[in-house]
Structures are given as structure tokens and as C-alpha cells.
């Protein structure tokens, strides 16, 4: 079982940048594909980005394309979400998620495919 802890959220102005981090512990990190999701008040949780076990394949939601980049460092058991050109509509709690992946190049884009979740980190973009 893997434990996930997010960090790096905060208050940022429109157009600013943040780098979210997710630290994994308690299990072999390289068996897990990883993802980032977010949930704004009154809205459902939505997919942001995903990355395969080996880091070789990624997927970004349309809301993230061109602005956000997911990456991972398997040596450090870390996953990152670099967020640039932030908008007020990016305001949400951002969650890191993990799921065991059979193939090293698979990624997953729906929340139901993930078994482990962090507690989230708040991102607030002010206009």
C-alpha cells in the first residue's frame, strides 16, 4: 500500500506558476502509474494529468494542455505537476493518485481507476 502526500499549493496571481509535488512512500513506487486530479467547490473531481510507471507516456486533459506538465522522478519517489499561466478557474484542491499498473507504459485518466489518494493541496488563483 502506498501513501501519498501533496505539497506546493498556495495563493498565486493570474498568470503565475506553481509546482505541485507528491511524495510517495510505503511501497515500491515504480509499480504505480500516477495521476493528478482536482476538485473545485461544488464541482465533481476532474482529471488533470497522468503518467505511466516508467514516466515515458503522459496524458493531459484539455484544461491542462499547453499550461501544465506532469513528470515523475522514480529515484526520489516523487510526482510533480508544473502549472503555468494559471487562471482563476484553476482554483481547486489538487489530488495526487496512484494505481498499480500491469504495463510500464500505461496511464489512466479516470478517478475510478485509482486506488490510492492523497489528502490534496489547495491552489487558489486570484484575479
Foldseek 3Di string as FASTA:
>chain_A
DKAKAKDFADEAAAQAKIKMKIAIDDDQLLQKKKFKWWDDPPGDIFGAKTAFSVRPDMDGDPVPPPFWDWGADSVRRMIMIIGGRDDQVVWTWMKMFIAGDPDRGDIDGDPVRTDYIYPTDTHGYHD
